[in-house]
Amino acid sequence: MGLLRPPFDRRIIIPQVFFRAVATGRGGPKSPRKIIAFGKTWRRACVSAGQPGRIPHDLRRSAVRRFVRAGITESVAMALAGHKTRSVFARYNITSEADLRDAAEKLDAIDRDSIVTVTGQAGPCRGTIARFTQ
């Protein structure tokens, strides 16, 4: 039976993926040992990348935001990020001021295309023209 089977067991750590090569004695042969914690290594990597203070969930949050902005459907983005509930997904999909500005600009563009000025006996009148199909 394979290590990964649908649905795969998240408790299994595959040594070839998450491991450290550790010597059994001073200068002895190295063998894989599972990684239990990586906090110190993570902090060092963040400092080296010029991003001190980052946490692993920052990457998950960034991924969710990228999925949504790329137009990936919510259900697919949730599956990719491993979110089982909509409420957890919403916590990671943070709306920024730039998101609100972009939405307002899109709405303004739609309104500019659909508003016309009609001059009649009562004077100029602005309104929205709706197209109906039968």
N, C-alpha and C. Protein backbone atom coordinates (compact mmCIF):
# COMPACT_ATOMS: atom_id res chain seq x y z
N MET A 1 0.85 -1.17 0.00
CA MET A 1 0.00 0.00 0.00
C MET A 1 0.90 1.24 0.00
N GLY A 2 0.58 2.23 -0.82
CA GLY A 2 1.40 3.44 -0.93
C GLY A 2 1.26 4.35 0.28
N LEU A 3 2.24 5.23 0.45
CA LEU A 3 2.18 6.18 1.56
C LEU A 3 1.07 7.19 1.38
N LEU A 4 0.83 7.62 0.14
CA LEU A 4 -0.22 8.59 -0.12
C LEU A 4 -1.37 7.90 -0.83
N ARG A 5 -2.49 7.86 -0.19
CA ARG A 5 -3.67 7.29 -0.81
C ARG A 5 -4.85 8.22 -0.55
N PRO A 6 -5.74 8.34 -1.50
CA PRO A 6 -6.86 9.27 -1.32
C PRO A 6 -7.79 8.80 -0.22
N PRO A 7 -8.23 9.62 0.70
CA PRO A 7 -7.60 10.90 1.03
C PRO A 7 -6.31 10.63 1.78
N PHE A 8 -5.25 11.33 1.45
CA PHE A 8 -3.96 11.03 2.04
C PHE A 8 -3.94 11.40 3.52
N ASP A 9 -3.17 10.66 4.26
CA ASP A 9 -3.06 10.84 5.70
C ASP A 9 -2.04 11.92 5.99
N ARG A 10 -2.49 13.05 6.53
CA ARG A 10 -1.60 14.19 6.78
C ARG A 10 -0.65 13.94 7.94
N ARG A 11 -0.87 12.89 8.71
CA ARG A 11 -0.01 12.62 9.86
C ARG A 11 1.29 11.93 9.46
N ILE A 12 1.33 11.39 8.25
CA ILE A 12 2.53 10.68 7.80
C ILE A 12 3.55 11.68 7.31
N ILE A 13 4.76 11.59 7.84
CA ILE A 13 5.85 12.42 7.35
C ILE A 13 6.75 11.52 6.51
N ILE A 14 6.89 11.87 5.26
CA ILE A 14 7.72 11.09 4.36
C ILE A 14 9.16 11.55 4.55
N PRO A 15 10.05 10.69 5.01
CA PRO A 15 11.41 11.12 5.33
C PRO A 15 12.14 11.77 4.16
N GLN A 16 11.83 11.37 2.92
CA GLN A 16 12.52 11.95 1.78
C GLN A 16 12.11 13.40 1.52
N VAL A 17 11.02 13.87 2.13
CA VAL A 17 10.55 15.22 1.91
C VAL A 17 10.91 16.11 3.09
N PHE A 18 10.57 15.70 4.30
CA PHE A 18 10.83 16.50 5.50
C PHE A 18 11.83 15.76 6.38
N PHE A 19 13.09 15.99 6.13
CA PHE A 19 14.10 15.28 6.91
C PHE A 19 15.37 16.10 7.05
N ARG A 20 16.18 15.69 8.00
CA ARG A 20 17.54 16.19 8.16
C ARG A 20 18.45 14.98 8.16
N ALA A 21 19.60 15.13 7.53
CA ALA A 21 20.59 14.06 7.57
C ALA A 21 21.40 14.23 8.86
N VAL A 22 21.29 13.27 9.77
CA VAL A 22 21.94 13.36 11.07
C VAL A 22 22.90 12.20 11.23
N ALA A 23 24.11 12.52 11.67
CA ALA A 23 25.13 11.49 11.90
C ALA A 23 24.79 10.73 13.17
N THR A 24 25.01 9.42 13.15
CA THR A 24 24.73 8.60 14.33
C THR A 24 25.81 8.77 15.39
N GLY A 25 26.95 9.23 15.01
CA GLY A 25 28.05 9.49 15.94
C GLY A 25 28.96 10.52 15.32
N ARG A 26 29.98 10.92 16.02
CA ARG A 26 30.90 11.93 15.49
C ARG A 26 31.58 11.39 14.23
N GLY A 27 31.23 11.98 13.08
CA GLY A 27 31.82 11.56 11.82
C GLY A 27 31.22 10.28 11.26
N GLY A 28 30.21 9.76 11.91
CA GLY A 28 29.61 8.50 11.47
C GLY A 28 28.68 8.70 10.28
N PRO A 29 28.12 7.62 9.79
CA PRO A 29 27.21 7.71 8.65
C PRO A 29 25.94 8.49 9.03
N LYS A 30 25.42 9.20 8.05
CA LYS A 30 24.23 10.02 8.29
C LYS A 30 22.99 9.26 7.85
N SER A 31 21.94 9.46 8.61
CA SER A 31 20.66 8.85 8.25
C SER A 31 19.56 9.90 8.41
N PRO A 32 18.46 9.71 7.68
CA PRO A 32 17.39 10.72 7.74
C PRO A 32 16.65 10.67 9.08
N ARG A 33 16.40 11.84 9.62
CA ARG A 33 15.59 11.98 10.84
C ARG A 33 14.50 12.99 10.53
N LYS A 34 13.29 12.69 11.00
CA LYS A 34 12.18 13.60 10.71
C LYS A 34 12.37 14.94 11.43
N ILE A 35 11.88 15.98 10.79
CA ILE A 35 11.94 17.32 11.36
C ILE A 35 10.72 17.51 12.24
N ILE A 36 10.96 17.85 13.49
CA ILE A 36 9.86 18.07 14.43
C ILE A 36 9.48 19.55 14.45
N ALA A 37 10.48 20.43 14.50
CA ALA A 37 10.24 21.87 14.54
C ALA A 37 11.29 22.56 13.68
N PHE A 38 10.90 23.67 13.07
CA PHE A 38 11.86 24.38 12.23
C PHE A 38 11.86 25.88 12.51
N GLY A 39 11.45 26.28 13.71
CA GLY A 39 11.33 27.69 14.07
C GLY A 39 12.62 28.47 13.92
N LYS A 40 13.72 27.94 14.45
CA LYS A 40 14.99 28.67 14.38
C LYS A 40 15.46 28.81 12.93
N THR A 41 15.33 27.75 12.16
CA THR A 41 15.71 27.78 10.75
C THR A 41 14.83 28.77 9.99
N TRP A 42 13.54 28.77 10.28
CA TRP A 42 12.61 29.70 9.63
C TRP A 42 13.01 31.14 9.91
N ARG A 43 13.26 31.46 11.19
CA ARG A 43 13.64 32.84 11.55
C ARG A 43 14.92 33.26 10.85
N ARG A 44 15.91 32.36 10.80
CA ARG A 44 17.17 32.66 10.12
C ARG A 44 16.94 32.92 8.63
N ALA A 45 16.10 32.11 8.00
CA ALA A 45 15.81 32.26 6.57
C ALA A 45 15.10 33.59 6.31
N CYS A 46 14.18 33.97 7.19
CA CYS A 46 13.46 35.25 7.02
C CYS A 46 14.40 36.43 7.14
N VAL A 47 15.31 36.37 8.10
CA VAL A 47 16.29 37.46 8.27
C VAL A 47 17.18 37.53 7.04
N SER A 48 17.63 36.38 6.54
CA SER A 48 18.47 36.34 5.33
C SER A 48 17.75 36.92 4.12
N ALA A 49 16.44 36.73 4.07
CA ALA A 49 15.64 37.23 2.94
C ALA A 49 15.23 38.69 3.13
N GLY A 50 15.65 39.29 4.26
CA GLY A 50 15.28 40.68 4.52
C GLY A 50 13.84 40.84 4.97
N GLN A 51 13.23 39.77 5.50
CA GLN A 51 11.84 39.79 5.95
C GLN A 51 11.73 39.27 7.38
N PRO A 52 12.42 39.91 8.33
CA PRO A 52 12.36 39.40 9.70
C PRO A 52 10.95 39.50 10.27
N GLY A 53 10.61 38.57 11.15
CA GLY A 53 9.30 38.61 11.80
C GLY A 53 8.18 37.93 11.03
N ARG A 54 8.46 37.39 9.88
CA ARG A 54 7.42 36.69 9.10
C ARG A 54 7.12 35.36 9.76
N ILE A 55 5.89 34.88 9.54
CA ILE A 55 5.50 33.56 10.03
C ILE A 55 5.03 32.74 8.84
N PRO A 56 5.06 31.41 8.96
CA PRO A 56 4.65 30.56 7.82
C PRO A 56 3.26 30.89 7.29
N HIS A 57 2.33 31.29 8.15
CA HIS A 57 0.98 31.60 7.68
C HIS A 57 0.95 32.85 6.80
N ASP A 58 1.99 33.69 6.86
CA ASP A 58 2.06 34.83 5.95
C ASP A 58 2.09 34.33 4.51
N LEU A 59 2.78 33.23 4.28
CA LEU A 59 2.85 32.65 2.92
C LEU A 59 1.48 32.11 2.51
N ARG A 60 0.80 31.50 3.44
CA ARG A 60 -0.53 30.96 3.13
C ARG A 60 -1.50 32.09 2.81
N ARG A 61 -1.42 33.17 3.58
CA ARG A 61 -2.28 34.33 3.34
C ARG A 61 -1.99 34.93 1.97
N SER A 62 -0.71 35.06 1.65
CA SER A 62 -0.32 35.61 0.34
C SER A 62 -0.83 34.72 -0.79
N ALA A 63 -0.75 33.41 -0.59
CA ALA A 63 -1.22 32.48 -1.62
C ALA A 63 -2.72 32.64 -1.84
N VAL A 64 -3.49 32.73 -0.77
CA VAL A 64 -4.94 32.88 -0.90
C VAL A 64 -5.28 34.17 -1.63
N ARG A 65 -4.59 35.26 -1.28
CA ARG A 65 -4.85 36.54 -1.95
C ARG A 65 -4.51 36.44 -3.44
N ARG A 66 -3.42 35.77 -3.78
CA ARG A 66 -3.04 35.61 -5.19
C ARG A 66 -4.06 34.76 -5.94
N PHE A 67 -4.56 33.70 -5.31
CA PHE A 67 -5.57 32.84 -5.94
C PHE A 67 -6.80 33.68 -6.31
N VAL A 68 -7.30 34.46 -5.35
CA VAL A 68 -8.51 35.25 -5.57
C VAL A 68 -8.28 36.29 -6.65
N ARG A 69 -7.15 36.99 -6.61
CA ARG A 69 -6.87 38.03 -7.58
C ARG A 69 -6.61 37.46 -8.98
N ALA A 70 -6.22 36.19 -9.04
CA ALA A 70 -6.01 35.54 -10.33
C ALA A 70 -7.32 35.04 -10.93
N GLY A 71 -8.41 35.16 -10.16
CA GLY A 71 -9.71 34.74 -10.68
C GLY A 71 -10.03 33.27 -10.42
N ILE A 72 -9.24 32.62 -9.58
CA ILE A 72 -9.51 31.22 -9.24
C ILE A 72 -10.75 31.18 -8.36
N THR A 73 -11.65 30.26 -8.64
CA THR A 73 -12.90 30.21 -7.88
C THR A 73 -12.60 29.93 -6.41
N GLU A 74 -13.52 30.39 -5.57
CA GLU A 74 -13.33 30.25 -4.13
C GLU A 74 -13.18 28.80 -3.71
N SER A 75 -13.99 27.91 -4.27
CA SER A 75 -13.92 26.50 -3.86
C SER A 75 -12.57 25.87 -4.24
N VAL A 76 -12.05 26.24 -5.40
CA VAL A 76 -10.74 25.72 -5.81
C VAL A 76 -9.64 26.33 -4.95
N ALA A 77 -9.72 27.63 -4.67
CA ALA A 77 -8.72 28.28 -3.81
C ALA A 77 -8.73 27.66 -2.41
N MET A 78 -9.92 27.36 -1.90
CA MET A 78 -10.01 26.73 -0.58
C MET A 78 -9.35 25.36 -0.60
N ALA A 79 -9.57 24.59 -1.66
CA ALA A 79 -8.95 23.27 -1.75
C ALA A 79 -7.43 23.37 -1.84
N LEU A 80 -6.95 24.33 -2.64
CA LEU A 80 -5.50 24.50 -2.78
C LEU A 80 -4.84 24.91 -1.47
N ALA A 81 -5.53 25.76 -0.70
CA ALA A 81 -4.97 26.26 0.56
C ALA A 81 -5.23 25.31 1.73
N GLY A 82 -6.07 24.32 1.51
CA GLY A 82 -6.38 23.37 2.58
C GLY A 82 -7.40 23.88 3.57
N HIS A 83 -8.20 24.86 3.18
CA HIS A 83 -9.25 25.38 4.06
C HIS A 83 -10.51 24.55 3.91
N LYS A 84 -11.05 24.09 5.02
CA LYS A 84 -12.24 23.26 4.98
C LYS A 84 -13.52 24.07 5.11
N THR A 85 -13.42 25.26 5.71
CA THR A 85 -14.62 26.07 5.91
C THR A 85 -14.46 27.44 5.27
N ARG A 86 -15.57 28.04 4.91
CA ARG A 86 -15.59 29.36 4.30
C ARG A 86 -15.07 30.42 5.27
N SER A 87 -15.36 30.25 6.57
CA SER A 87 -14.95 31.25 7.55
C SER A 87 -13.43 31.32 7.68
N VAL A 88 -12.76 30.19 7.63
CA VAL A 88 -11.30 30.19 7.69
C VAL A 88 -10.74 30.82 6.42
N PHE A 89 -11.31 30.47 5.28
CA PHE A 89 -10.88 31.05 4.01
C PHE A 89 -11.01 32.58 4.06
N ALA A 90 -12.13 33.07 4.58
CA ALA A 90 -12.38 34.51 4.66
C ALA A 90 -11.34 35.20 5.54
N ARG A 91 -10.88 34.51 6.58
CA ARG A 91 -9.86 35.09 7.46
C ARG A 91 -8.54 35.31 6.71
N TYR A 92 -8.24 34.45 5.76
CA TYR A 92 -7.00 34.56 5.00
C TYR A 92 -7.13 35.49 3.80
N ASN A 93 -8.35 35.63 3.28
CA ASN A 93 -8.57 36.49 2.11
C ASN A 93 -8.89 37.90 2.58
N ILE A 94 -7.86 38.63 2.92
CA ILE A 94 -8.00 39.97 3.49
C ILE A 94 -8.23 40.99 2.38
N THR A 95 -9.24 41.85 2.58
CA THR A 95 -9.53 42.91 1.62
C THR A 95 -8.72 44.15 1.98
N SER A 96 -7.98 44.69 1.02
CA SER A 96 -7.15 45.86 1.27
C SER A 96 -7.80 47.11 0.66
N GLU A 97 -7.22 48.27 0.97
CA GLU A 97 -7.69 49.53 0.38
C GLU A 97 -7.56 49.47 -1.15
N ALA A 98 -6.48 48.87 -1.63
CA ALA A 98 -6.28 48.76 -3.08
C ALA A 98 -7.38 47.92 -3.72
N ASP A 99 -7.82 46.86 -3.04
CA ASP A 99 -8.92 46.03 -3.55
C ASP A 99 -10.20 46.85 -3.69
N LEU A 100 -10.49 47.65 -2.66
CA LEU A 100 -11.70 48.48 -2.69
C LEU A 100 -11.61 49.54 -3.78
N ARG A 101 -10.42 50.13 -3.96
CA ARG A 101 -10.22 51.13 -5.01
C ARG A 101 -10.43 50.51 -6.39
N ASP A 102 -9.86 49.31 -6.60
CA ASP A 102 -10.02 48.62 -7.89
C ASP A 102 -11.50 48.33 -8.17
N ALA A 103 -12.23 47.89 -7.14
CA ALA A 103 -13.65 47.60 -7.32
C ALA A 103 -14.42 48.86 -7.68
N ALA A 104 -14.10 49.96 -7.02
CA ALA A 104 -14.78 51.23 -7.31
C ALA A 104 -14.49 51.69 -8.74
N GLU A 105 -13.25 51.53 -9.20
CA GLU A 105 -12.89 51.92 -10.57
C GLU A 105 -13.63 51.06 -11.59
N LYS A 106 -13.77 49.77 -11.31
CA LYS A 106 -14.51 48.88 -12.22
C LYS A 106 -15.98 49.29 -12.30
N LEU A 107 -16.57 49.62 -11.14
CA LEU A 107 -17.97 50.06 -11.14
C LEU A 107 -18.13 51.38 -11.87
N ASP A 108 -17.18 52.30 -11.68
CA ASP A 108 -17.23 53.58 -12.40
C ASP A 108 -17.17 53.35 -13.91
N ALA A 109 -16.34 52.43 -14.36
CA ALA A 109 -16.21 52.14 -15.79
C ALA A 109 -17.53 51.60 -16.34
N ILE A 110 -18.20 50.74 -15.58
CA ILE A 110 -19.49 50.21 -16.02
C ILE A 110 -20.51 51.33 -16.10
N ASP A 111 -20.55 52.20 -15.09
CA ASP A 111 -21.51 53.31 -15.07
C ASP A 111 -21.27 54.28 -16.22
N ARG A 112 -20.01 54.58 -16.54
CA ARG A 112 -19.71 55.50 -17.64
C ARG A 112 -20.23 54.97 -18.96
N ASP A 113 -20.18 53.65 -19.13
CA ASP A 113 -20.63 53.04 -20.37
C ASP A 113 -22.15 52.99 -20.49
N SER A 114 -22.86 53.02 -19.35
CA SER A 114 -24.30 52.82 -19.42
C SER A 114 -25.13 54.09 -19.15
N ILE A 115 -24.49 55.19 -18.76
CA ILE A 115 -25.23 56.42 -18.50
C ILE A 115 -25.24 57.29 -19.75
N VAL A 116 -26.43 57.75 -20.11
CA VAL A 116 -26.58 58.63 -21.28
C VAL A 116 -27.34 59.88 -20.86
N THR A 117 -27.17 60.93 -21.62
CA THR A 117 -27.92 62.17 -21.38
C THR A 117 -28.91 62.34 -22.52
N VAL A 118 -30.16 62.52 -22.15
CA VAL A 118 -31.22 62.69 -23.13
C VAL A 118 -31.79 64.09 -22.95
N THR A 119 -31.94 64.83 -24.04
CA THR A 119 -32.52 66.17 -23.97
C THR A 119 -33.94 66.10 -24.52
N GLY A 120 -34.85 66.54 -23.71
CA GLY A 120 -36.26 66.53 -24.12
C GLY A 120 -36.90 67.86 -23.77
N GLN A 121 -38.21 67.87 -23.76
CA GLN A 121 -38.94 69.10 -23.46
C GLN A 121 -38.67 69.59 -22.05
N ALA A 122 -38.42 68.67 -21.13
CA ALA A 122 -38.19 69.06 -19.73
C ALA A 122 -36.73 69.44 -19.49
N GLY A 123 -35.88 69.39 -20.51
CA GLY A 123 -34.46 69.70 -20.34
C GLY A 123 -33.62 68.43 -20.30
N PRO A 124 -32.32 68.58 -20.04
CA PRO A 124 -31.46 67.39 -20.03
C PRO A 124 -31.81 66.46 -18.87
N CYS A 125 -31.71 65.18 -19.12
CA CYS A 125 -32.04 64.17 -18.12
C CYS A 125 -31.00 63.06 -18.22
N ARG A 126 -30.44 62.67 -17.10
CA ARG A 126 -29.46 61.57 -17.10
C ARG A 126 -30.11 60.33 -16.58
N GLY A 127 -29.74 59.20 -17.12
CA GLY A 127 -30.31 57.94 -16.66
C GLY A 127 -29.52 56.77 -17.19
N THR A 128 -29.91 55.61 -16.79
CA THR A 128 -29.26 54.38 -17.22
C THR A 128 -30.17 53.67 -18.20
N ILE A 129 -29.59 53.23 -19.29
CA ILE A 129 -30.36 52.50 -20.29
C ILE A 129 -30.14 51.00 -20.03
N ALA A 130 -31.22 50.30 -19.88
CA ALA A 130 -31.13 48.86 -19.66
C ALA A 130 -31.50 48.18 -20.97
N ARG A 131 -30.75 47.17 -21.32
CA ARG A 131 -31.05 46.41 -22.53
C ARG A 131 -31.81 45.15 -22.15
N PHE A 132 -32.93 44.96 -22.77
CA PHE A 132 -33.74 43.77 -22.49
C PHE A 132 -33.69 42.85 -23.70
N THR A 133 -33.58 41.57 -23.44
CA THR A 133 -33.63 40.61 -24.53
C THR A 133 -34.85 39.74 -24.34
N GLN A 134 -35.42 39.30 -25.47
CA GLN A 134 -36.61 38.46 -25.38
C GLN A 134 -36.31 37.05 -25.73
